[in-house]
Amino acid sequence: LLIALLFRYVVLRRIDRLEASVRRVEGGDFMVDPVDDSRDELGRLSRAFAGMARTVGDNTRLLEQRVAERTEKLERLAHVDPLTEVFN
């Protein structure tokens, strides 16, 4: 029983917190902090996941910005003649 409780505290609880971070990223919240700062495998995995989530979030924001810019340019082309600058 003592070993099971220790395993739950040392391993399973930390995995549950990491899984909660995964769910946040799935929901679109890419700004997750590492849930574990220990130096073992789970700590390294947690830090790597948080870094990956931030990178994905940065790239997502950049792509959304580019799509918005291109959409604006396309809308302008659809409504304004590029040579005369007169509305179509």
N, C-alpha and C. Protein backbone atom coordinates (compact mmCIF):
# COMPACT_ATOMS: atom_id res chain seq x y z
N LEU A 1 0.83 -1.20 0.00
CA LEU A 1 0.00 0.00 0.00
C LEU A 1 0.87 1.26 0.00
N LEU A 2 1.92 1.20 0.80
CA LEU A 2 2.82 2.34 0.86
C LEU A 2 3.50 2.59 -0.49
N ILE A 3 3.90 1.52 -1.15
CA ILE A 3 4.54 1.66 -2.46
C ILE A 3 3.54 2.23 -3.47
N ALA A 4 2.30 1.78 -3.43
CA ALA A 4 1.28 2.27 -4.35
C ALA A 4 1.03 3.76 -4.11
N LEU A 5 0.96 4.18 -2.88
CA LEU A 5 0.76 5.60 -2.57
C LEU A 5 1.96 6.44 -3.02
N LEU A 6 3.14 5.93 -2.79
CA LEU A 6 4.34 6.63 -3.21
C LEU A 6 4.39 6.74 -4.74
N PHE A 7 4.06 5.67 -5.43
CA PHE A 7 4.03 5.69 -6.89
C PHE A 7 3.01 6.70 -7.39
N ARG A 8 1.85 6.72 -6.74
CA ARG A 8 0.82 7.69 -7.15
C ARG A 8 1.31 9.10 -6.97
N TYR A 9 1.96 9.37 -5.85
CA TYR A 9 2.43 10.72 -5.57
C TYR A 9 3.60 11.10 -6.47
N VAL A 10 4.54 10.21 -6.66
CA VAL A 10 5.76 10.53 -7.39
C VAL A 10 5.55 10.51 -8.90
N VAL A 11 4.71 9.63 -9.41
CA VAL A 11 4.59 9.46 -10.85
C VAL A 11 3.21 9.86 -11.37
N LEU A 12 2.19 9.21 -10.92
CA LEU A 12 0.86 9.38 -11.51
C LEU A 12 0.31 10.80 -11.36
N ARG A 13 0.53 11.41 -10.23
CA ARG A 13 0.04 12.79 -10.02
C ARG A 13 0.71 13.73 -11.01
N ARG A 14 1.99 13.54 -11.25
CA ARG A 14 2.72 14.39 -12.19
C ARG A 14 2.25 14.14 -13.62
N ILE A 15 1.98 12.91 -13.96
CA ILE A 15 1.46 12.59 -15.30
C ILE A 15 0.08 13.21 -15.48
N ASP A 16 -0.75 13.19 -14.45
CA ASP A 16 -2.07 13.82 -14.52
C ASP A 16 -1.95 15.31 -14.81
N ARG A 17 -1.01 15.98 -14.16
CA ARG A 17 -0.83 17.43 -14.40
C ARG A 17 -0.34 17.68 -15.83
N LEU A 18 0.55 16.83 -16.31
CA LEU A 18 1.02 16.98 -17.69
C LEU A 18 -0.13 16.75 -18.67
N GLU A 19 -0.97 15.77 -18.38
CA GLU A 19 -2.13 15.51 -19.24
C GLU A 19 -3.08 16.70 -19.24
N ALA A 20 -3.24 17.36 -18.11
CA ALA A 20 -4.08 18.56 -18.05
C ALA A 20 -3.51 19.65 -18.95
N SER A 21 -2.19 19.77 -19.01
CA SER A 21 -1.56 20.74 -19.90
C SER A 21 -1.82 20.39 -21.36
N VAL A 22 -1.78 19.11 -21.67
CA VAL A 22 -2.08 18.66 -23.04
C VAL A 22 -3.49 19.06 -23.41
N ARG A 23 -4.44 18.89 -22.50
CA ARG A 23 -5.83 19.26 -22.77
C ARG A 23 -5.97 20.76 -23.00
N ARG A 24 -5.20 21.57 -22.25
CA ARG A 24 -5.24 23.02 -22.46
C ARG A 24 -4.75 23.38 -23.85
N VAL A 25 -3.67 22.73 -24.30
CA VAL A 25 -3.15 22.99 -25.64
C VAL A 25 -4.15 22.55 -26.68
N GLU A 26 -4.79 21.42 -26.47
CA GLU A 26 -5.83 20.97 -27.40
C GLU A 26 -6.95 22.00 -27.52
N GLY A 27 -7.21 22.70 -26.43
CA GLY A 27 -8.26 23.72 -26.42
C GLY A 27 -7.81 25.06 -26.98
N GLY A 28 -6.53 25.17 -27.36
CA GLY A 28 -6.04 26.39 -27.98
C GLY A 28 -5.24 27.30 -27.06
N ASP A 29 -5.03 26.89 -25.81
CA ASP A 29 -4.23 27.68 -24.87
C ASP A 29 -2.79 27.17 -24.95
N PHE A 30 -1.96 27.88 -25.71
CA PHE A 30 -0.60 27.43 -25.94
C PHE A 30 0.39 27.95 -24.91
N MET A 31 -0.04 28.80 -24.02
CA MET A 31 0.86 29.37 -23.03
C MET A 31 0.82 28.55 -21.74
N VAL A 32 1.32 27.34 -21.82
CA VAL A 32 1.36 26.48 -20.65
C VAL A 32 2.75 26.55 -20.03
N ASP A 33 2.79 26.52 -18.73
CA ASP A 33 4.05 26.47 -18.01
C ASP A 33 4.40 25.01 -17.74
N PRO A 34 5.68 24.71 -17.59
CA PRO A 34 6.03 23.34 -17.21
C PRO A 34 5.36 22.99 -15.88
N VAL A 35 4.74 21.85 -15.83
CA VAL A 35 4.04 21.46 -14.61
C VAL A 35 4.96 20.77 -13.62
N ASP A 36 6.17 20.52 -14.04
CA ASP A 36 7.11 19.79 -13.19
C ASP A 36 8.51 20.29 -13.51
N ASP A 37 9.20 20.80 -12.50
CA ASP A 37 10.54 21.33 -12.75
C ASP A 37 11.65 20.44 -12.20
N SER A 38 11.31 19.19 -11.95
CA SER A 38 12.33 18.27 -11.45
C SER A 38 13.30 17.90 -12.57
N ARG A 39 14.37 17.25 -12.23
CA ARG A 39 15.41 16.93 -13.20
C ARG A 39 15.28 15.51 -13.76
N ASP A 40 14.23 14.81 -13.39
CA ASP A 40 14.07 13.45 -13.91
C ASP A 40 13.35 13.46 -15.25
N GLU A 41 13.00 12.30 -15.75
CA GLU A 41 12.40 12.17 -17.08
C GLU A 41 11.09 12.94 -17.21
N LEU A 42 10.25 12.87 -16.21
CA LEU A 42 8.96 13.58 -16.28
C LEU A 42 9.15 15.09 -16.25
N GLY A 43 10.12 15.55 -15.50
CA GLY A 43 10.42 16.97 -15.49
C GLY A 43 10.92 17.45 -16.83
N ARG A 44 11.83 16.69 -17.42
CA ARG A 44 12.34 17.06 -18.75
C ARG A 44 11.22 17.01 -19.79
N LEU A 45 10.37 16.00 -19.71
CA LEU A 45 9.25 15.90 -20.63
C LEU A 45 8.30 17.09 -20.47
N SER A 46 8.04 17.48 -19.25
CA SER A 46 7.16 18.61 -18.97
C SER A 46 7.73 19.90 -19.56
N ARG A 47 9.02 20.15 -19.36
CA ARG A 47 9.64 21.36 -19.90
C ARG A 47 9.66 21.33 -21.43
N ALA A 48 9.95 20.17 -22.00
CA ALA A 48 9.95 20.05 -23.47
C ALA A 48 8.56 20.30 -24.03
N PHE A 49 7.54 19.77 -23.37
CA PHE A 49 6.17 19.97 -23.84
C PHE A 49 5.78 21.45 -23.76
N ALA A 50 6.13 22.11 -22.67
CA ALA A 50 5.80 23.53 -22.53
C ALA A 50 6.50 24.35 -23.61
N GLY A 51 7.75 24.04 -23.90
CA GLY A 51 8.46 24.74 -24.96
C GLY A 51 7.83 24.50 -26.32
N MET A 52 7.46 23.25 -26.57
CA MET A 52 6.81 22.92 -27.84
C MET A 52 5.48 23.65 -27.96
N ALA A 53 4.71 23.71 -26.88
CA ALA A 53 3.40 24.38 -26.92
C ALA A 53 3.58 25.86 -27.22
N ARG A 54 4.59 26.51 -26.61
CA ARG A 54 4.83 27.93 -26.89
C ARG A 54 5.22 28.12 -28.36
N THR A 55 6.05 27.24 -28.90
CA THR A 55 6.45 27.34 -30.30
C THR A 55 5.25 27.18 -31.22
N VAL A 56 4.40 26.20 -30.94
CA VAL A 56 3.19 26.00 -31.74
C VAL A 56 2.29 27.23 -31.64
N GLY A 57 2.16 27.78 -30.46
CA GLY A 57 1.34 28.97 -30.28
C GLY A 57 1.88 30.15 -31.07
N ASP A 58 3.20 30.35 -31.01
CA ASP A 58 3.82 31.45 -31.78
C ASP A 58 3.58 31.26 -33.27
N ASN A 59 3.79 30.05 -33.76
CA ASN A 59 3.57 29.78 -35.19
C ASN A 59 2.11 29.94 -35.58
N THR A 60 1.21 29.53 -34.72
CA THR A 60 -0.23 29.68 -34.98
C THR A 60 -0.60 31.16 -35.10
N ARG A 61 -0.11 31.97 -34.16
CA ARG A 61 -0.40 33.41 -34.22
C ARG A 61 0.18 34.03 -35.49
N LEU A 62 1.41 33.64 -35.86
CA LEU A 62 2.03 34.17 -37.07
C LEU A 62 1.22 33.79 -38.31
N LEU A 63 0.79 32.54 -38.40
CA LEU A 63 -0.01 32.10 -39.54
C LEU A 63 -1.35 32.82 -39.60
N GLU A 64 -1.99 33.00 -38.45
CA GLU A 64 -3.26 33.72 -38.42
C GLU A 64 -3.08 35.17 -38.87
N GLN A 65 -1.98 35.79 -38.47
CA GLN A 65 -1.70 37.16 -38.90
C GLN A 65 -1.49 37.22 -40.41
N ARG A 66 -0.73 36.28 -40.94
CA ARG A 66 -0.50 36.25 -42.39
C ARG A 66 -1.79 36.02 -43.17
N VAL A 67 -2.64 35.13 -42.68
CA VAL A 67 -3.92 34.88 -43.34
C VAL A 67 -4.76 36.15 -43.33
N ALA A 68 -4.79 36.86 -42.20
CA ALA A 68 -5.56 38.10 -42.12
C ALA A 68 -5.04 39.15 -43.10
N GLU A 69 -3.71 39.27 -43.19
CA GLU A 69 -3.12 40.24 -44.12
C GLU A 69 -3.46 39.89 -45.57
N ARG A 70 -3.34 38.63 -45.92
CA ARG A 70 -3.64 38.22 -47.30
C ARG A 70 -5.13 38.34 -47.61
N THR A 71 -5.97 38.07 -46.64
CA THR A 71 -7.41 38.23 -46.84
C THR A 71 -7.74 39.70 -47.10
N GLU A 72 -7.10 40.58 -46.34
CA GLU A 72 -7.32 42.01 -46.55
C GLU A 72 -6.88 42.43 -47.95
N LYS A 73 -5.73 41.93 -48.41
CA LYS A 73 -5.26 42.25 -49.76
C LYS A 73 -6.21 41.73 -50.82
N LEU A 74 -6.70 40.51 -50.64
CA LEU A 74 -7.65 39.94 -51.60
C LEU A 74 -8.95 40.72 -51.64
N GLU A 75 -9.43 41.14 -50.48
CA GLU A 75 -10.65 41.94 -50.44
C GLU A 75 -10.45 43.27 -51.15
N ARG A 76 -9.29 43.87 -50.97
CA ARG A 76 -9.00 45.13 -51.66
C ARG A 76 -8.97 44.91 -53.17
N LEU A 77 -8.32 43.82 -53.60
CA LEU A 77 -8.28 43.52 -55.03
C LEU A 77 -9.68 43.26 -55.59
N ALA A 78 -10.54 42.69 -54.79
CA ALA A 78 -11.90 42.40 -55.24
C ALA A 78 -12.74 43.66 -55.37
N HIS A 79 -12.41 44.69 -54.61
CA HIS A 79 -13.25 45.89 -54.58
C HIS A 79 -12.64 47.11 -55.25
N VAL A 80 -11.31 47.10 -55.45
CA VAL A 80 -10.65 48.28 -56.01
C VAL A 80 -9.80 47.87 -57.20
N ASP A 81 -9.94 48.62 -58.30
CA ASP A 81 -9.12 48.34 -59.48
C ASP A 81 -7.67 48.72 -59.16
N PRO A 82 -6.72 47.80 -59.37
CA PRO A 82 -5.34 48.09 -58.98
C PRO A 82 -4.68 49.18 -59.83
N LEU A 83 -5.14 49.40 -61.04
CA LEU A 83 -4.51 50.42 -61.90
C LEU A 83 -5.07 51.83 -61.64
N THR A 84 -6.37 51.91 -61.50
CA THR A 84 -7.00 53.24 -61.37
C THR A 84 -7.32 53.61 -59.94
N GLU A 85 -7.28 52.63 -59.03
CA GLU A 85 -7.65 52.84 -57.62
C GLU A 85 -9.12 53.27 -57.49
N VAL A 86 -9.93 52.91 -58.47
CA VAL A 86 -11.36 53.21 -58.46
C VAL A 86 -12.08 51.95 -58.00
N PHE A 87 -13.15 52.16 -57.21
CA PHE A 87 -13.93 51.00 -56.76
C PHE A 87 -14.56 50.29 -57.96
N ASN A 88 -14.58 48.98 -57.91
CA ASN A 88 -15.20 48.19 -58.97
C ASN A 88 -16.71 48.31 -58.90
